[in-house]
């Protein structure tokens, strides 16, 4: 080998082959379905919360017929109560697995149906109304704390 040259490992192609992409979509889809069920969410709740037009969109993702759109990865991570960066690495194929545990779900708190509906309604609002709703929620939290203190006194 001539001096000044080093032996490099062949690089992994930037764009995976069709078979690899299909396998990744199926793996991600199975994970989405499993996690949704673990959290007690329906496809309808996911559809509404993420702003999809029909249930078929979520169904197609869960079966691996379609890939997860890049612009929705963080929204999916939020609704599935997963760390965004770890979920992104999993969805892009950078990470082989996505670890979840029921303990982490419980620690994060399970999302109730009412919470999922509230989240869906919030996401449909224009940004200025989202800010106003957050401000109002902060005021309600302050009121609730002051009422709790009064009861303890």
N, C-alpha and C. Protein backbone atom coordinates (compact mmCIF):
# COMPACT_ATOMS: atom_id res chain seq x y z
N UNK A 1 0.86 -1.17 0.00
CA UNK A 1 0.00 0.00 0.00
C UNK A 1 0.90 1.23 0.00
N UNK A 2 0.68 2.18 -0.90
CA UNK A 2 1.52 3.38 -0.96
C UNK A 2 1.41 4.19 0.33
N UNK A 3 2.49 4.87 0.67
CA UNK A 3 2.45 5.68 1.88
C UNK A 3 1.49 6.85 1.70
N UNK A 4 0.88 7.26 2.82
CA UNK A 4 -0.05 8.38 2.79
C UNK A 4 -1.49 7.95 2.51
N UNK A 5 -1.70 6.69 2.16
CA UNK A 5 -3.07 6.22 1.96
C UNK A 5 -3.41 5.27 3.08
N UNK A 6 -4.62 5.32 3.48
CA UNK A 6 -5.06 4.42 4.55
C UNK A 6 -6.21 3.58 4.03
N UNK A 7 -6.34 2.46 4.62
CA UNK A 7 -7.41 1.55 4.24
C UNK A 7 -8.69 1.98 4.96
N UNK A 8 -9.71 2.25 4.21
CA UNK A 8 -10.98 2.68 4.80
C UNK A 8 -12.02 1.60 4.61
N UNK A 9 -12.87 1.49 5.61
CA UNK A 9 -13.98 0.56 5.48
C UNK A 9 -14.96 1.09 4.46
N UNK A 10 -15.60 0.21 3.71
CA UNK A 10 -16.61 0.69 2.78
C UNK A 10 -17.74 1.37 3.55
N UNK A 11 -18.18 2.49 3.04
CA UNK A 11 -19.25 3.23 3.71
C UNK A 11 -20.61 2.61 3.43
N UNK A 12 -21.46 2.75 4.41
CA UNK A 12 -22.84 2.31 4.24
C UNK A 12 -23.50 3.28 3.28
N UNK A 13 -24.24 2.79 2.29
CA UNK A 13 -24.87 3.71 1.34
C UNK A 13 -25.82 4.67 2.07
N UNK A 14 -25.87 5.91 1.60
CA UNK A 14 -26.74 6.90 2.23
C UNK A 14 -28.21 6.53 2.07
N UNK A 15 -28.56 5.99 0.93
CA UNK A 15 -29.94 5.59 0.70
C UNK A 15 -30.01 4.07 0.71
N UNK A 16 -30.73 3.50 1.70
CA UNK A 16 -30.79 2.05 1.77
C UNK A 16 -31.56 1.45 0.59
N UNK A 17 -31.30 0.19 0.34
CA UNK A 17 -31.99 -0.52 -0.74
C UNK A 17 -33.46 -0.67 -0.40
N UNK A 18 -34.28 -0.90 -1.42
CA UNK A 18 -35.73 -1.00 -1.25
C UNK A 18 -36.09 -2.04 -0.20
N UNK A 19 -35.43 -3.19 -0.24
CA UNK A 19 -35.73 -4.25 0.72
C UNK A 19 -35.47 -3.78 2.15
N UNK A 20 -34.38 -3.04 2.35
CA UNK A 20 -34.05 -2.52 3.69
C UNK A 20 -35.05 -1.47 4.13
N UNK A 21 -35.47 -0.60 3.19
CA UNK A 21 -36.47 0.43 3.52
C UNK A 21 -37.79 -0.22 3.91
N UNK A 22 -38.20 -1.25 3.16
CA UNK A 22 -39.46 -1.95 3.46
C UNK A 22 -39.40 -2.60 4.84
N UNK A 23 -38.27 -3.24 5.14
CA UNK A 23 -38.12 -3.90 6.44
C UNK A 23 -38.16 -2.86 7.57
N UNK A 24 -37.52 -1.72 7.36
CA UNK A 24 -37.53 -0.67 8.37
C UNK A 24 -38.94 -0.12 8.58
N UNK A 25 -39.69 0.10 7.48
CA UNK A 25 -41.07 0.58 7.60
C UNK A 25 -41.92 -0.40 8.40
N UNK A 26 -41.76 -1.69 8.14
CA UNK A 26 -42.54 -2.69 8.87
C UNK A 26 -42.17 -2.72 10.35
N UNK A 27 -40.88 -2.59 10.64
CA UNK A 27 -40.43 -2.59 12.03
C UNK A 27 -40.98 -1.36 12.77
N UNK A 28 -40.92 -0.21 12.11
CA UNK A 28 -41.43 1.02 12.72
C UNK A 28 -42.95 0.92 12.91
N UNK A 29 -43.63 0.41 11.89
CA UNK A 29 -45.08 0.27 11.97
C UNK A 29 -45.51 -0.63 13.12
N UNK A 30 -44.83 -1.76 13.28
CA UNK A 30 -45.14 -2.67 14.38
C UNK A 30 -44.90 -1.98 15.72
N UNK A 31 -43.83 -1.21 15.79
CA UNK A 31 -43.53 -0.48 17.03
C UNK A 31 -44.62 0.55 17.33
N UNK A 32 -45.04 1.32 16.30
CA UNK A 32 -46.08 2.34 16.49
C UNK A 32 -47.36 1.71 17.04
N UNK A 33 -47.76 0.59 16.44
CA UNK A 33 -48.98 -0.10 16.88
C UNK A 33 -48.85 -0.58 18.32
N UNK A 34 -47.73 -1.23 18.61
CA UNK A 34 -47.50 -1.77 19.95
C UNK A 34 -47.53 -0.66 21.00
N UNK A 35 -46.84 0.44 20.71
CA UNK A 35 -46.77 1.55 21.67
C UNK A 35 -48.12 2.22 21.83
N UNK A 36 -48.87 2.40 20.73
CA UNK A 36 -50.20 3.00 20.80
C UNK A 36 -51.11 2.17 21.70
N UNK A 37 -51.08 0.86 21.51
CA UNK A 37 -51.91 -0.03 22.31
C UNK A 37 -51.46 -0.01 23.77
N UNK A 38 -50.14 0.00 23.99
CA UNK A 38 -49.60 0.06 25.35
C UNK A 38 -50.11 1.30 26.10
N UNK A 39 -50.25 2.40 25.38
CA UNK A 39 -50.71 3.65 25.99
C UNK A 39 -52.24 3.74 26.05
N UNK A 40 -52.92 2.76 25.47
CA UNK A 40 -54.39 2.75 25.51
C UNK A 40 -55.02 3.74 24.53
N UNK A 41 -54.31 4.06 23.47
CA UNK A 41 -54.84 5.00 22.48
C UNK A 41 -55.42 4.24 21.29
N UNK A 42 -56.43 4.82 20.67
CA UNK A 42 -57.02 4.22 19.47
C UNK A 42 -56.42 4.88 18.24
N UNK A 43 -56.62 4.24 17.09
CA UNK A 43 -56.18 4.85 15.84
C UNK A 43 -56.91 6.16 15.62
N UNK A 44 -58.18 6.22 16.01
CA UNK A 44 -58.97 7.45 15.85
C UNK A 44 -58.37 8.59 16.67
N UNK A 45 -57.94 8.31 17.89
CA UNK A 45 -57.33 9.35 18.72
C UNK A 45 -56.03 9.85 18.11
N UNK A 46 -55.23 8.92 17.60
CA UNK A 46 -53.96 9.31 16.96
C UNK A 46 -54.26 10.15 15.72
N UNK A 47 -55.23 9.69 14.91
CA UNK A 47 -55.60 10.40 13.69
C UNK A 47 -55.98 11.84 14.00
N UNK A 48 -56.81 12.01 15.01
CA UNK A 48 -57.28 13.34 15.38
C UNK A 48 -56.16 14.18 15.99
N UNK A 49 -55.39 13.59 16.89
CA UNK A 49 -54.33 14.34 17.57
C UNK A 49 -53.24 14.81 16.61
N UNK A 50 -52.95 14.00 15.59
CA UNK A 50 -51.88 14.35 14.67
C UNK A 50 -52.37 15.03 13.40
N UNK A 51 -53.69 15.20 13.30
CA UNK A 51 -54.24 15.95 12.17
C UNK A 51 -54.31 15.19 10.86
N UNK A 52 -54.32 13.86 10.92
CA UNK A 52 -54.49 13.09 9.70
C UNK A 52 -55.95 13.18 9.24
N UNK A 53 -56.18 13.01 7.96
CA UNK A 53 -57.52 13.12 7.39
C UNK A 53 -58.34 11.85 7.65
N UNK A 54 -57.68 10.68 7.57
CA UNK A 54 -58.44 9.44 7.75
C UNK A 54 -57.65 8.43 8.58
N UNK A 55 -58.39 7.43 9.07
CA UNK A 55 -57.78 6.34 9.84
C UNK A 55 -56.80 5.54 8.98
N UNK A 56 -57.03 5.53 7.67
CA UNK A 56 -56.16 4.77 6.78
C UNK A 56 -54.71 5.22 6.88
N UNK A 57 -54.49 6.49 7.13
CA UNK A 57 -53.11 6.99 7.25
C UNK A 57 -52.38 6.29 8.39
N UNK A 58 -53.02 6.22 9.55
CA UNK A 58 -52.40 5.57 10.71
C UNK A 58 -52.29 4.08 10.46
N UNK A 59 -53.32 3.47 9.91
CA UNK A 59 -53.30 2.05 9.61
C UNK A 59 -52.17 1.71 8.64
N UNK A 60 -52.00 2.51 7.59
CA UNK A 60 -50.94 2.26 6.62
C UNK A 60 -49.55 2.38 7.24
N UNK A 61 -49.39 3.29 8.19
CA UNK A 61 -48.11 3.42 8.89
C UNK A 61 -47.86 2.18 9.75
N UNK A 62 -48.90 1.75 10.47
CA UNK A 62 -48.75 0.63 11.39
C UNK A 62 -48.49 -0.69 10.67
N UNK A 63 -48.96 -0.82 9.46
CA UNK A 63 -48.73 -2.05 8.70
C UNK A 63 -47.47 -1.98 7.87
N UNK A 64 -46.84 -0.83 7.79
CA UNK A 64 -45.62 -0.67 7.03
C UNK A 64 -45.84 -0.39 5.56
N UNK A 65 -47.08 -0.13 5.16
CA UNK A 65 -47.35 0.21 3.76
C UNK A 65 -46.78 1.56 3.40
N UNK A 66 -46.76 2.46 4.40
CA UNK A 66 -46.22 3.81 4.19
C UNK A 66 -45.15 4.08 5.24
N UNK A 67 -44.26 4.97 4.91
CA UNK A 67 -43.24 5.38 5.86
C UNK A 67 -43.71 6.59 6.66
N UNK A 68 -43.11 6.78 7.80
CA UNK A 68 -43.45 7.91 8.67
C UNK A 68 -42.87 9.18 8.06
N UNK A 69 -43.72 10.18 7.74
CA UNK A 69 -43.21 11.41 7.15
C UNK A 69 -42.27 12.14 8.13
N UNK A 70 -41.17 12.64 7.62
CA UNK A 70 -40.17 13.31 8.46
C UNK A 70 -40.79 14.46 9.25
N UNK A 71 -41.72 15.19 8.65
CA UNK A 71 -42.29 16.35 9.34
C UNK A 71 -43.17 15.96 10.52
N UNK A 72 -43.52 14.69 10.65
CA UNK A 72 -44.39 14.26 11.75
C UNK A 72 -43.67 13.41 12.80
N UNK A 73 -42.38 13.19 12.65
CA UNK A 73 -41.67 12.32 13.58
C UNK A 73 -41.76 12.84 15.01
N UNK A 74 -41.52 14.12 15.22
CA UNK A 74 -41.56 14.66 16.58
C UNK A 74 -42.98 14.64 17.15
N UNK A 75 -43.98 14.89 16.32
CA UNK A 75 -45.36 14.82 16.79
C UNK A 75 -45.70 13.41 17.24
N UNK A 76 -45.24 12.42 16.48
CA UNK A 76 -45.46 11.02 16.87
C UNK A 76 -44.73 10.72 18.18
N UNK A 77 -43.51 11.19 18.31
CA UNK A 77 -42.76 10.97 19.54
C UNK A 77 -43.51 11.55 20.73
N UNK A 78 -44.07 12.75 20.57
CA UNK A 78 -44.80 13.39 21.65
C UNK A 78 -46.04 12.59 22.04
N UNK A 79 -46.83 12.20 21.05
CA UNK A 79 -48.09 11.49 21.34
C UNK A 79 -47.81 10.11 21.94
N UNK A 80 -46.68 9.50 21.54
CA UNK A 80 -46.33 8.17 22.07
C UNK A 80 -45.47 8.26 23.34
N UNK A 81 -45.27 9.50 23.81
CA UNK A 81 -44.54 9.76 25.05
C UNK A 81 -43.14 9.14 25.01
N UNK A 82 -42.41 9.50 23.94
CA UNK A 82 -41.06 8.99 23.74
C UNK A 82 -40.10 10.16 23.59
N UNK A 83 -38.83 9.97 23.94
CA UNK A 83 -37.84 11.03 23.71
C UNK A 83 -37.69 11.26 22.21
N UNK A 84 -37.77 12.52 21.81
CA UNK A 84 -37.74 12.85 20.39
C UNK A 84 -36.47 12.38 19.70
N UNK A 85 -35.32 12.64 20.30
CA UNK A 85 -34.07 12.29 19.63
C UNK A 85 -33.91 10.78 19.46
N UNK A 86 -34.26 10.01 20.47
CA UNK A 86 -34.15 8.55 20.37
C UNK A 86 -35.13 8.01 19.33
N UNK A 87 -36.34 8.55 19.31
CA UNK A 87 -37.34 8.10 18.34
C UNK A 87 -36.89 8.46 16.93
N UNK A 88 -36.32 9.63 16.75
CA UNK A 88 -35.82 10.04 15.44
C UNK A 88 -34.74 9.07 14.94
N UNK A 89 -33.81 8.73 15.83
CA UNK A 89 -32.74 7.80 15.44
C UNK A 89 -33.32 6.44 15.07
N UNK A 90 -34.34 5.99 15.79
CA UNK A 90 -34.98 4.70 15.49
C UNK A 90 -35.67 4.75 14.13
N UNK A 91 -36.44 5.81 13.89
CA UNK A 91 -37.22 5.93 12.66
C UNK A 91 -36.31 6.06 11.43
N UNK A 92 -35.18 6.70 11.58
CA UNK A 92 -34.27 6.86 10.45
C UNK A 92 -33.35 5.66 10.25
N UNK A 93 -33.45 4.67 11.14
CA UNK A 93 -32.65 3.47 11.01
C UNK A 93 -31.28 3.58 11.66
N UNK A 94 -31.01 4.71 12.30
CA UNK A 94 -29.73 4.90 12.99
C UNK A 94 -29.63 4.00 14.21
N UNK A 95 -30.75 3.80 14.90
CA UNK A 95 -30.79 2.92 16.07
C UNK A 95 -31.61 1.68 15.69
N UNK A 96 -31.12 0.53 16.11
CA UNK A 96 -31.79 -0.73 15.77
C UNK A 96 -33.09 -0.93 16.53
N UNK A 97 -33.13 -0.47 17.79
CA UNK A 97 -34.31 -0.68 18.62
C UNK A 97 -34.73 0.61 19.30
N UNK A 98 -35.95 0.61 19.76
CA UNK A 98 -36.48 1.74 20.53
C UNK A 98 -36.95 1.16 21.84
N UNK A 99 -36.22 1.48 22.89
CA UNK A 99 -36.55 0.93 24.20
C UNK A 99 -37.66 1.72 24.86
N UNK A 100 -38.66 1.01 25.30
CA UNK A 100 -39.72 1.61 26.12
C UNK A 100 -39.98 0.64 27.25
N UNK A 101 -40.46 1.16 28.32
CA UNK A 101 -40.85 0.28 29.41
C UNK A 101 -42.11 0.82 30.01
N UNK A 102 -42.88 -0.07 30.57
CA UNK A 102 -44.12 0.38 31.21
C UNK A 102 -43.79 1.30 32.37
N UNK A 103 -42.63 1.10 33.01
CA UNK A 103 -42.23 1.96 34.11
C UNK A 103 -42.03 3.39 33.62
N UNK A 104 -41.40 3.55 32.45
CA UNK A 104 -41.20 4.91 31.95
C UNK A 104 -42.52 5.52 31.54
N UNK A 105 -43.45 4.71 31.03
CA UNK A 105 -44.77 5.23 30.68
C UNK A 105 -45.49 5.70 31.93
N UNK A 106 -45.42 4.89 32.97
CA UNK A 106 -46.10 5.24 34.21
C UNK A 106 -45.47 6.50 34.82
N UNK A 107 -44.14 6.59 34.74
CA UNK A 107 -43.46 7.76 35.28
C UNK A 107 -43.87 9.01 34.52
N UNK A 108 -44.01 8.88 33.22
CA UNK A 108 -44.41 10.01 32.40
C UNK A 108 -45.90 10.28 32.57
N UNK A 109 -46.64 9.29 33.02
CA UNK A 109 -48.08 9.43 33.19
C UNK A 109 -48.80 9.01 31.92
N UNK A 110 -49.73 8.10 32.06
CA UNK A 110 -50.50 7.65 30.91
C UNK A 110 -51.41 8.78 30.44
N UNK A 111 -51.56 8.91 29.14
CA UNK A 111 -52.44 9.92 28.58
C UNK A 111 -53.87 9.38 28.58
N UNK A 112 -54.75 10.10 29.21
CA UNK A 112 -56.15 9.68 29.23
C UNK A 112 -56.82 10.11 27.93
N UNK A 113 -58.00 9.62 27.73
CA UNK A 113 -58.76 9.98 26.53
C UNK A 113 -59.00 11.49 26.49
N UNK A 114 -59.34 12.06 27.62
CA UNK A 114 -59.59 13.50 27.70
C UNK A 114 -58.33 14.29 27.35
N UNK A 115 -57.18 13.82 27.85
CA UNK A 115 -55.92 14.50 27.54
C UNK A 115 -55.60 14.41 26.05
N UNK A 116 -55.86 13.26 25.44
CA UNK A 116 -55.61 13.10 24.00
C UNK A 116 -56.53 14.02 23.20
N UNK A 117 -57.80 14.14 23.64
CA UNK A 117 -58.74 15.04 22.96
C UNK A 117 -58.32 16.50 23.11
N UNK A 118 -57.85 16.86 24.30
CA UNK A 118 -57.37 18.22 24.54
C UNK A 118 -56.15 18.51 23.66
N UNK A 119 -55.24 17.57 23.58
CA UNK A 119 -54.06 17.73 22.74
C UNK A 119 -54.46 17.89 21.27
N UNK A 120 -55.42 17.08 20.83
CA UNK A 120 -55.88 17.17 19.43
C UNK A 120 -56.50 18.54 19.16
N UNK A 121 -57.31 19.02 20.08
CA UNK A 121 -57.94 20.33 19.90
C UNK A 121 -56.88 21.44 19.90
N UNK A 122 -55.92 21.33 20.80
CA UNK A 122 -54.84 22.31 20.88
C UNK A 122 -54.07 22.39 19.56
N UNK A 123 -53.74 21.25 18.99
CA UNK A 123 -52.94 21.22 17.76
C UNK A 123 -53.69 21.78 16.56
N UNK A 124 -55.00 21.83 16.63
CA UNK A 124 -55.79 22.39 15.53
C UNK A 124 -55.86 23.91 15.59
N UNK A 125 -55.52 24.48 16.74
CA UNK A 125 -55.61 25.93 16.92
C UNK A 125 -54.47 26.66 16.22
N UNK A 126 -54.74 27.89 15.76
CA UNK A 126 -53.65 28.74 15.27
C UNK A 126 -52.70 29.08 16.43
N UNK A 127 -51.47 29.40 16.12
CA UNK A 127 -50.43 29.65 17.13
C UNK A 127 -50.85 30.67 18.18
N UNK A 128 -51.52 31.75 17.75
CA UNK A 128 -51.87 32.79 18.73
C UNK A 128 -52.86 32.25 19.77
N UNK A 129 -53.76 31.37 19.36
CA UNK A 129 -54.71 30.78 20.32
C UNK A 129 -54.04 29.72 21.18
N UNK A 130 -53.04 29.04 20.63
CA UNK A 130 -52.29 28.08 21.43
C UNK A 130 -51.58 28.81 22.57
N UNK A 131 -50.99 29.98 22.27
CA UNK A 131 -50.31 30.76 23.31
C UNK A 131 -51.30 31.22 24.38
N UNK A 132 -52.48 31.65 23.95
CA UNK A 132 -53.49 32.11 24.91
C UNK A 132 -53.96 30.96 25.80
N UNK A 133 -54.12 29.79 25.19
CA UNK A 133 -54.55 28.61 25.95
C UNK A 133 -53.49 28.22 26.98
N UNK A 134 -52.21 28.29 26.61
CA UNK A 134 -51.13 27.99 27.55
C UNK A 134 -51.13 28.99 28.71
N UNK A 135 -51.36 30.25 28.40
CA UNK A 135 -51.42 31.27 29.46
C UNK A 135 -52.59 30.99 30.40
N UNK A 136 -53.73 30.65 29.83
CA UNK A 136 -54.91 30.35 30.66
C UNK A 136 -54.65 29.12 31.53
N UNK A 137 -53.99 28.10 30.97
CA UNK A 137 -53.67 26.90 31.74
C UNK A 137 -52.75 27.26 32.91
N UNK A 138 -51.80 28.15 32.68
CA UNK A 138 -50.92 28.60 33.76
C UNK A 138 -51.70 29.30 34.87
N UNK A 139 -52.69 30.11 34.47
CA UNK A 139 -53.52 30.79 35.47
C UNK A 139 -54.34 29.78 36.28
N UNK A 140 -54.89 28.76 35.60
CA UNK A 140 -55.65 27.72 36.31
C UNK A 140 -54.76 26.95 37.28
N UNK A 141 -53.52 26.69 36.88
CA UNK A 141 -52.59 25.99 37.75
C UNK A 141 -52.32 26.82 39.00
N UNK A 142 -52.13 28.12 38.83
CA UNK A 142 -51.89 29.02 39.97
C UNK A 142 -53.10 29.02 40.90
N UNK A 143 -54.30 29.11 40.33
CA UNK A 143 -55.53 29.07 41.14
C UNK A 143 -55.64 27.77 41.91
N UNK A 144 -55.36 26.66 41.25
CA UNK A 144 -55.47 25.35 41.91
C UNK A 144 -54.49 25.25 43.07
N UNK A 145 -53.26 25.76 42.88
CA UNK A 145 -52.27 25.73 43.96
C UNK A 145 -52.71 26.57 45.15
N UNK A 146 -53.27 27.75 44.87
CA UNK A 146 -53.70 28.62 45.98
C UNK A 146 -54.87 27.99 46.73
N UNK A 147 -55.77 27.31 46.01
CA UNK A 147 -56.88 26.63 46.68
C UNK A 147 -56.38 25.48 47.55
N UNK A 148 -55.36 24.77 47.08
CA UNK A 148 -54.78 23.67 47.85
C UNK A 148 -54.14 24.19 49.13
N UNK A 149 -53.45 25.33 49.03
CA UNK A 149 -52.83 25.93 50.22
C UNK A 149 -53.87 26.37 51.22
N UNK A 150 -54.98 26.93 50.75
CA UNK A 150 -56.05 27.38 51.65
C UNK A 150 -56.65 26.20 52.40
N UNK A 151 -56.83 25.07 51.71
CA UNK A 151 -57.40 23.90 52.35
C UNK A 151 -56.47 23.34 53.41
N UNK A 152 -55.16 23.43 53.20
CA UNK A 152 -54.19 22.94 54.16
C UNK A 152 -54.11 23.82 55.39
N UNK A 153 -54.47 25.09 55.25
CA UNK A 153 -54.35 26.04 56.36
C UNK A 153 -55.47 25.91 57.34
